[in-house]
Amino acid sequence: MQELHHRGQPVLLGTSSVKESEIYSMALLHAGIPHNLLNAKSAVKEAEMIAEAGQKG
């Protein structure tokens, strides 16, 4: 993930549960990789994330 982040490449990581997505989120935070967590808890915020998805950086 670090290499992809340094290149500015967007990455979509899918999980099978909210708990699993939260574990990955904590790992990314620990690695210093900024990210957005999409887990169907806030429809408005997540719709904005989807609209911005795929942009470099």
PDB file of N, CA and C in Angstrom:
ATOM      1  N   MET A   1       0.809  -1.194   0.000  1.00  0.00           N
ATOM      2  CA  MET A   1       0.000   0.000   0.000  1.00  0.00           C
ATOM      3  C   MET A   1       0.855   1.261   0.000  1.00  0.00           C
ATOM      4  N   GLN A   2       1.988   1.225   0.704  1.00  0.00           N
ATOM      5  CA  GLN A   2       2.855   2.405   0.774  1.00  0.00           C
ATOM      6  C   GLN A   2       3.290   2.845  -0.621  1.00  0.00           C
ATOM      7  N   GLU A   3       3.710   1.890  -1.448  1.00  0.00           N
ATOM      8  CA  GLU A   3       4.176   2.211  -2.800  1.00  0.00           C
ATOM      9  C   GLU A   3       3.053   2.847  -3.619  1.00  0.00           C
ATOM     10  N   LEU A   4       1.863   2.286  -3.542  1.00  0.00           N
ATOM     11  CA  LEU A   4       0.724   2.847  -4.281  1.00  0.00           C
ATOM     12  C   LEU A   4       0.404   4.252  -3.788  1.00  0.00           C
ATOM     13  N   HIS A   5       0.474   4.441  -2.492  1.00  0.00           N
ATOM     14  CA  HIS A   5       0.217   5.757  -1.913  1.00  0.00           C
ATOM     15  C   HIS A   5       1.241   6.778  -2.410  1.00  0.00           C
ATOM     16  N   HIS A   6       2.504   6.393  -2.421  1.00  0.00           N
ATOM     17  CA  HIS A   6       3.561   7.305  -2.862  1.00  0.00           C
ATOM     18  C   HIS A   6       3.404   7.689  -4.336  1.00  0.00           C
ATOM     19  N   ARG A   7       2.842   6.778  -5.141  1.00  0.00           N
ATOM     20  CA  ARG A   7       2.604   7.084  -6.553  1.00  0.00           C
ATOM     21  C   ARG A   7       1.323   7.891  -6.749  1.00  0.00           C
ATOM     22  N   GLY A   8       0.512   8.023  -5.694  1.00  0.00           N
ATOM     23  CA  GLY A   8      -0.746   8.754  -5.801  1.00  0.00           C
ATOM     24  C   GLY A   8      -1.855   7.935  -6.420  1.00  0.00           C
ATOM     25  N   GLN A   9      -1.658   6.628  -6.476  1.00  0.00           N
ATOM     26  CA  GLN A   9      -2.644   5.755  -7.102  1.00  0.00           C
ATOM     27  C   GLN A   9      -3.797   5.456  -6.149  1.00  0.00           C
ATOM     28  N   PRO A  10      -5.027   5.700  -6.574  1.00  0.00           N
ATOM     29  CA  PRO A  10      -6.161   5.358  -5.718  1.00  0.00           C
ATOM     30  C   PRO A  10      -6.323   3.845  -5.611  1.00  0.00           C
ATOM     31  N   VAL A  11      -6.771   3.395  -4.451  1.00  0.00           N
ATOM     32  CA  VAL A  11      -6.961   1.964  -4.198  1.00  0.00           C
ATOM     33  C   VAL A  11      -8.325   1.773  -3.550  1.00  0.00           C
ATOM     34  N   LEU A  12      -9.053   0.786  -4.024  1.00  0.00           N
ATOM     35  CA  LEU A  12     -10.317   0.410  -3.402  1.00  0.00           C
ATOM     36  C   LEU A  12     -10.100  -0.924  -2.714  1.00  0.00           C
ATOM     37  N   LEU A  13     -10.334  -0.952  -1.424  1.00  0.00           N
ATOM     38  CA  LEU A  13     -10.155  -2.169  -0.636  1.00  0.00           C
ATOM     39  C   LEU A  13     -11.524  -2.596  -0.132  1.00  0.00           C
ATOM     40  N   GLY A  14     -11.958  -3.768  -0.526  1.00  0.00           N
ATOM     41  CA  GLY A  14     -13.265  -4.271  -0.093  1.00  0.00           C
ATOM     42  C   GLY A  14     -13.116  -5.270   1.044  1.00  0.00           C
ATOM     43  N   THR A  15     -14.055  -5.212   1.983  1.00  0.00           N
ATOM     44  CA  THR A  15     -14.058  -6.166   3.099  1.00  0.00           C
ATOM     45  C   THR A  15     -15.450  -6.772   3.220  1.00  0.00           C
ATOM     46  N   SER A  16     -15.543  -7.816   4.002  1.00  0.00           N
ATOM     47  CA  SER A  16     -16.824  -8.494   4.149  1.00  0.00           C
ATOM     48  C   SER A  16     -17.607  -8.050   5.383  1.00  0.00           C
ATOM     49  N   SER A  17     -17.010  -7.146   6.185  1.00  0.00           N
ATOM     50  CA  SER A  17     -17.726  -6.674   7.375  1.00  0.00           C
ATOM     51  C   SER A  17     -17.243  -5.286   7.782  1.00  0.00           C
ATOM     52  N   VAL A  18     -18.069  -4.593   8.538  1.00  0.00           N
ATOM     53  CA  VAL A  18     -17.701  -3.278   9.054  1.00  0.00           C
ATOM     54  C   VAL A  18     -16.499  -3.407   9.985  1.00  0.00           C
ATOM     55  N   LYS A  19     -16.499  -4.427  10.829  1.00  0.00           N
ATOM     56  CA  LYS A  19     -15.384  -4.628  11.760  1.00  0.00           C
ATOM     57  C   LYS A  19     -14.069  -4.802  11.011  1.00  0.00           C
ATOM     58  N   GLU A  20     -14.095  -5.595   9.960  1.00  0.00           N
ATOM     59  CA  GLU A  20     -12.886  -5.816   9.177  1.00  0.00           C
ATOM     60  C   GLU A  20     -12.421  -4.509   8.529  1.00  0.00           C
ATOM     61  N   SER A  21     -13.360  -3.706   8.021  1.00  0.00           N
ATOM     62  CA  SER A  21     -12.983  -2.431   7.406  1.00  0.00           C
ATOM     63  C   SER A  21     -12.361  -1.499   8.441  1.00  0.00           C
ATOM     64  N   GLU A  22     -12.848  -1.549   9.668  1.00  0.00           N
ATOM     65  CA  GLU A  22     -12.289  -0.714  10.728  1.00  0.00           C
ATOM     66  C   GLU A  22     -10.871  -1.161  11.104  1.00  0.00           C
ATOM     67  N   ILE A  23     -10.599  -2.454  11.032  1.00  0.00           N
ATOM     68  CA  ILE A  23      -9.253  -2.972  11.300  1.00  0.00           C
ATOM     69  C   ILE A  23      -8.286  -2.467  10.232  1.00  0.00           C
ATOM     70  N   TYR A  24      -8.683  -2.551   8.970  1.00  0.00           N
ATOM     71  CA  TYR A  24      -7.834  -2.039   7.891  1.00  0.00           C
ATOM     72  C   TYR A  24      -7.636  -0.537   8.030  1.00  0.00           C
ATOM     73  N   SER A  25      -8.676   0.178   8.421  1.00  0.00           N
ATOM     74  CA  SER A  25      -8.567   1.620   8.607  1.00  0.00           C
ATOM     75  C   SER A  25      -7.532   1.958   9.668  1.00  0.00           C
ATOM     76  N   MET A  26      -7.547   1.232  10.765  1.00  0.00           N
ATOM     77  CA  MET A  26      -6.567   1.473  11.822  1.00  0.00           C
ATOM     78  C   MET A  26      -5.142   1.180  11.324  1.00  0.00           C
ATOM     79  N   ALA A  27      -4.977   0.135  10.526  1.00  0.00           N
ATOM     80  CA  ALA A  27      -3.661  -0.198   9.980  1.00  0.00           C
ATOM     81  C   ALA A  27      -3.176   0.909   9.040  1.00  0.00           C
ATOM     82  N   LEU A  28      -4.062   1.443   8.229  1.00  0.00           N
ATOM     83  CA  LEU A  28      -3.692   2.532   7.329  1.00  0.00           C
ATOM     84  C   LEU A  28      -3.337   3.789   8.111  1.00  0.00           C
ATOM     85  N   LEU A  29      -4.089   4.076   9.151  1.00  0.00           N
ATOM     86  CA  LEU A  29      -3.774   5.226  10.007  1.00  0.00           C
ATOM     87  C   LEU A  29      -2.391   5.059  10.630  1.00  0.00           C
ATOM     88  N   HIS A  30      -2.125   3.871  11.123  1.00  0.00           N
ATOM     89  CA  HIS A  30      -0.831   3.572  11.749  1.00  0.00           C
ATOM     90  C   HIS A  30       0.322   3.738  10.748  1.00  0.00           C
ATOM     91  N   ALA A  31       0.056   3.407   9.476  1.00  0.00           N
ATOM     92  CA  ALA A  31       1.069   3.530   8.427  1.00  0.00           C
ATOM     93  C   ALA A  31       1.170   4.959   7.887  1.00  0.00           C
ATOM     94  N   GLY A  32       0.294   5.845   8.356  1.00  0.00           N
ATOM     95  CA  GLY A  32       0.328   7.237   7.905  1.00  0.00           C
ATOM     96  C   GLY A  32      -0.261   7.442   6.526  1.00  0.00           C
ATOM     97  N   ILE A  33      -1.133   6.542   6.104  1.00  0.00           N
ATOM     98  CA  ILE A  33      -1.754   6.640   4.785  1.00  0.00           C
ATOM     99  C   ILE A  33      -3.153   7.238   4.940  1.00  0.00           C
ATOM    100  N   PRO A  34      -3.365   8.443   4.400  1.00  0.00           N
ATOM    101  CA  PRO A  34      -4.700   9.036   4.484  1.00  0.00           C
ATOM    102  C   PRO A  34      -5.687   8.212   3.649  1.00  0.00           C
ATOM    103  N   HIS A  35      -6.897   8.081   4.141  1.00  0.00           N
ATOM    104  CA  HIS A  35      -7.885   7.255   3.453  1.00  0.00           C
ATOM    105  C   HIS A  35      -9.293   7.644   3.892  1.00  0.00           C
ATOM    106  N   ASN A  36     -10.260   7.117   3.191  1.00  0.00           N
ATOM    107  CA  ASN A  36     -11.662   7.276   3.557  1.00  0.00           C
ATOM    108  C   ASN A  36     -12.237   5.901   3.842  1.00  0.00           C
ATOM    109  N   LEU A  37     -13.051   5.829   4.861  1.00  0.00           N
ATOM    110  CA  LEU A  37     -13.688   4.571   5.241  1.00  0.00           C
ATOM    111  C   LEU A  37     -15.153   4.631   4.845  1.00  0.00           C
ATOM    112  N   LEU A  38     -15.559   3.720   4.006  1.00  0.00           N
ATOM    113  CA  LEU A  38     -16.928   3.655   3.511  1.00  0.00           C
ATOM    114  C   LEU A  38     -17.566   2.385   4.064  1.00  0.00           C
ATOM    115  N   ASN A  39     -18.489   2.530   5.004  1.00  0.00           N
ATOM    116  CA  ASN A  39     -19.109   1.335   5.584  1.00  0.00           C
ATOM    117  C   ASN A  39     -20.601   1.511   5.858  1.00  0.00           C
ATOM    118  N   ALA A  40     -21.259   2.336   5.062  1.00  0.00           N
ATOM    119  CA  ALA A  40     -22.714   2.506   5.088  1.00  0.00           C
ATOM    120  C   ALA A  40     -23.239   3.028   6.423  1.00  0.00           C
ATOM    121  N   LYS A  41     -22.463   3.877   7.083  1.00  0.00           N
ATOM    122  CA  LYS A  41     -22.931   4.477   8.328  1.00  0.00           C
ATOM    123  C   LYS A  41     -23.418   5.906   8.113  1.00  0.00           C
ATOM    124  N   SER A  42     -22.919   6.585   7.071  1.00  0.00           N
ATOM    125  CA  SER A  42     -23.299   7.960   6.786  1.00  0.00           C
ATOM    126  C   SER A  42     -23.480   8.129   5.288  1.00  0.00           C
ATOM    127  N   ALA A  43     -24.717   8.025   4.812  1.00  0.00           N
ATOM    128  CA  ALA A  43     -24.997   8.026   3.381  1.00  0.00           C
ATOM    129  C   ALA A  43     -24.537   9.301   2.683  1.00  0.00           C
ATOM    130  N   VAL A  44     -24.742  10.457   3.282  1.00  0.00           N
ATOM    131  CA  VAL A  44     -24.376  11.723   2.635  1.00  0.00           C
ATOM    132  C   VAL A  44     -22.863  11.830   2.472  1.00  0.00           C
ATOM    133  N   LYS A  45     -22.132  11.595   3.562  1.00  0.00           N
ATOM    134  CA  LYS A  45     -20.666  11.678   3.510  1.00  0.00           C
ATOM    135  C   LYS A  45     -20.104  10.651   2.542  1.00  0.00           C
ATOM    136  N   GLU A  46     -20.655   9.458   2.548  1.00  0.00           N
ATOM    137  CA  GLU A  46     -20.146   8.396   1.693  1.00  0.00           C
ATOM    138  C   GLU A  46     -20.475   8.645   0.228  1.00  0.00           C
ATOM    139  N   ALA A  47     -21.589   9.293  -0.051  1.00  0.00           N
ATOM    140  CA  ALA A  47     -21.914   9.663  -1.447  1.00  0.00           C
ATOM    141  C   ALA A  47     -20.881  10.659  -1.972  1.00  0.00           C
ATOM    142  N   GLU A  48     -20.437  11.588  -1.113  1.00  0.00           N
ATOM    143  CA  GLU A  48     -19.394  12.529  -1.516  1.00  0.00           C
ATOM    144  C   GLU A  48     -18.084  11.805  -1.788  1.00  0.00           C
ATOM    145  N   MET A  49     -17.744  10.815  -0.954  1.00  0.00           N
ATOM    146  CA  MET A  49     -16.521  10.043  -1.165  1.00  0.00           C
ATOM    147  C   MET A  49     -16.566   9.320  -2.499  1.00  0.00           C
ATOM    148  N   ILE A  50     -17.702   8.731  -2.814  1.00  0.00           N
ATOM    149  CA  ILE A  50     -17.844   7.989  -4.062  1.00  0.00           C
ATOM    150  C   ILE A  50     -17.695   8.931  -5.250  1.00  0.00           C
ATOM    151  N   ALA A  51     -18.251  10.127  -5.145  1.00  0.00           N
ATOM    152  CA  ALA A  51     -18.140  11.106  -6.220  1.00  0.00           C
ATOM    153  C   ALA A  51     -16.694  11.505  -6.483  1.00  0.00           C
ATOM    154  N   GLU A  52     -15.863  11.470  -5.455  1.00  0.00           N
ATOM    155  CA  GLU A  52     -14.457  11.865  -5.580  1.00  0.00           C
ATOM    156  C   GLU A  52     -13.523  10.664  -5.815  1.00  0.00           C
ATOM    157  N   ALA A  53     -14.048   9.474  -5.805  1.00  0.00           N
ATOM    158  CA  ALA A  53     -13.223   8.275  -5.907  1.00  0.00           C
ATOM    159  C   ALA A  53     -12.480   8.215  -7.240  1.00  0.00           C
ATOM    160  N   GLY A  54     -11.285   7.655  -7.177  1.00  0.00           N
ATOM    161  CA  GLY A  54     -10.500   7.430  -8.385  1.00  0.00           C
ATOM    162  C   GLY A  54      -9.614   8.586  -8.787  1.00  0.00           C
ATOM    163  N   GLN A  55      -9.653   9.677  -8.050  1.00  0.00           N
ATOM    164  CA  GLN A  55      -8.799  10.825  -8.363  1.00  0.00           C
ATOM    165  C   GLN A  55      -7.399  10.577  -7.840  1.00  0.00           C
ATOM    166  N   LYS A  56      -6.413  10.945  -8.628  1.00  0.00           N
ATOM    167  CA  LYS A  56      -5.029  10.752  -8.215  1.00  0.00           C
ATOM    168  C   LYS A  56      -4.754  11.532  -6.927  1.00  0.00           C
ATOM    169  N   GLY A  57      -4.052  10.872  -5.982  1.00  0.00           N
ATOM    170  CA  GLY A  57      -3.693  11.519  -4.726  1.00  0.00           C
ATOM    171  C   GLY A  57      -4.784  11.471  -3.714  1.00  0.00           C
TER     172      GLY A  57
END
